Amino acid sequence: MKFTDKGINALKPKTAKYFIHGDMSNDRHGFAICVYPASTKYPVGTKSWFFIYRYEGKRCFLPLGKYPTMSLGNAAKEFEKHWDIFVSGKNPATVKEDE
């Protein structure tokens, strides 16, 4: 899916949380948004940005922020920052921002 605000706002909650992955035509895989169902932890339809990647054989889910508090543009910038760490061979979830 090519992310747009209109498309993201149209995503509706289901009985279980689900992920929609962004357009991978730029060879940067793992940018995704999660839509949560109603629960005691999240309001119905809460949406959060994630970077989903594999590191040392394990699937990792790095939260980037909640939509719309974190806009699509800011989430994409955050993803790019973590992508650069990932392609350098490091685990983005464990690298401190001040490095």
Protein backbone atom coordinates (compact mmCIF):
# COMPACT_ATOMS: atom_id res chain seq x y z
CA MET A 1 0.00 0.00 0.00
CA LYS A 2 1.27 3.47 -0.78
CA PHE A 3 0.57 5.30 2.44
CA THR A 4 -1.58 8.42 2.28
CA ASP A 5 -3.49 10.13 5.06
CA LYS A 6 -6.75 9.33 3.26
CA GLY A 7 -5.83 5.63 3.02
CA ILE A 8 -4.68 5.45 6.64
CA ASN A 9 -7.86 7.11 7.90
CA ALA A 10 -9.90 4.58 5.92
CA LEU A 11 -8.32 1.61 7.77
CA LYS A 12 -10.91 0.15 10.13
CA PRO A 13 -10.38 -2.09 13.17
CA LYS A 14 -11.03 -5.83 12.89
CA THR A 15 -11.41 -8.46 15.59
CA ALA A 16 -7.60 -8.74 15.91
CA LYS A 17 -4.81 -6.26 15.34
CA TYR A 18 -3.35 -6.25 11.84
CA PHE A 19 -0.45 -4.67 9.99
CA ILE A 20 -0.44 -2.95 6.61
CA HIS A 21 2.97 -2.68 4.99
CA GLY A 22 4.02 0.34 2.99
CA ASP A 23 5.01 0.41 -0.66
CA MET A 24 8.27 -1.52 -1.00
CA SER A 25 9.22 -0.25 -4.46
CA ASN A 26 12.11 1.71 -2.93
CA ASP A 27 13.75 -1.50 -1.56
CA ARG A 28 13.19 -0.33 2.00
CA HIS A 29 11.14 -3.06 3.59
CA GLY A 30 9.43 -3.01 6.95
CA PHE A 31 7.59 0.31 7.17
CA ALA A 32 4.14 -0.59 8.49
CA ILE A 33 1.11 0.64 10.36
CA CYS A 34 -0.78 -1.46 12.89
CA VAL A 35 -4.53 -1.08 13.44
CA TYR A 36 -5.69 -2.23 16.86
CA PRO A 37 -9.10 -3.65 17.77
CA ALA A 38 -11.07 -2.46 20.79
CA SER A 39 -9.29 -3.43 23.98
CA THR A 40 -8.73 -2.15 27.47
CA LYS A 41 -5.26 -0.92 26.46
CA TYR A 42 -6.08 1.01 23.25
CA PRO A 43 -9.14 2.90 22.04
CA VAL A 44 -10.96 1.37 19.05
CA GLY A 45 -9.03 1.90 15.85
CA THR A 46 -5.77 3.13 17.37
CA LYS A 47 -3.05 3.13 14.71
CA SER A 48 0.69 2.92 15.32
CA TRP A 49 3.71 3.07 13.03
CA PHE A 50 6.29 0.28 13.12
CA PHE A 51 9.56 -0.77 11.57
CA ILE A 52 9.35 -4.56 11.20
CA TYR A 53 12.62 -6.31 10.43
CA ARG A 54 14.63 -9.47 11.05
CA TYR A 55 17.75 -9.30 13.18
CA GLU A 56 19.83 -12.35 14.05
CA GLY A 57 16.99 -14.56 12.82
CA LYS A 58 14.33 -12.96 15.00
CA ARG A 59 11.42 -10.84 13.83
CA CYS A 60 11.54 -7.43 15.52
CA PHE A 61 8.82 -4.81 15.85
CA LEU A 62 10.18 -1.33 16.55
CA PRO A 63 7.40 1.16 17.39
CA LEU A 64 7.84 4.55 15.75
CA GLY A 65 4.80 6.42 17.10
CA LYS A 66 1.01 6.64 17.08
CA TYR A 67 -0.94 8.07 14.17
CA PRO A 68 -2.02 10.89 13.81
CA THR A 69 0.19 12.26 16.63
CA MET A 70 3.13 11.14 14.51
CA SER A 71 2.29 12.21 10.99
CA LEU A 72 2.97 10.09 7.93
CA GLY A 73 5.86 12.39 6.97
CA ASN A 74 7.47 12.23 10.41
CA ALA A 75 6.99 8.46 10.61
CA ALA A 76 8.67 8.06 7.22
CA LYS A 77 11.64 10.15 8.43
CA GLU A 78 11.87 8.08 11.61
CA PHE A 79 11.73 4.87 9.57
CA GLU A 80 14.52 6.12 7.27
CA LYS A 81 16.71 6.90 10.30
CA HIS A 82 16.23 3.38 11.67
CA TRP A 83 16.60 1.84 8.20
CA ASP A 84 20.06 3.38 7.88
CA ILE A 85 21.06 1.84 11.22
CA PHE A 86 19.66 -1.52 10.12
CA VAL A 87 21.54 -1.62 6.80
CA SER A 88 24.76 -0.75 8.66
CA GLY A 89 24.39 -4.14 10.40
CA LYS A 90 23.20 -2.88 13.77
CA ASN A 91 19.92 -3.51 15.56
CA PRO A 92 17.93 -0.23 15.43
CA ALA A 93 16.12 -1.11 18.65
CA THR A 94 19.36 -1.16 20.65
CA VAL A 95 21.29 1.75 19.11
CA LYS A 96 21.12 4.93 21.16
CA GLU A 97 20.20 8.11 19.33
CA ASP A 98 23.35 9.90 20.49
CA GLU A 99 25.68 7.43 18.73
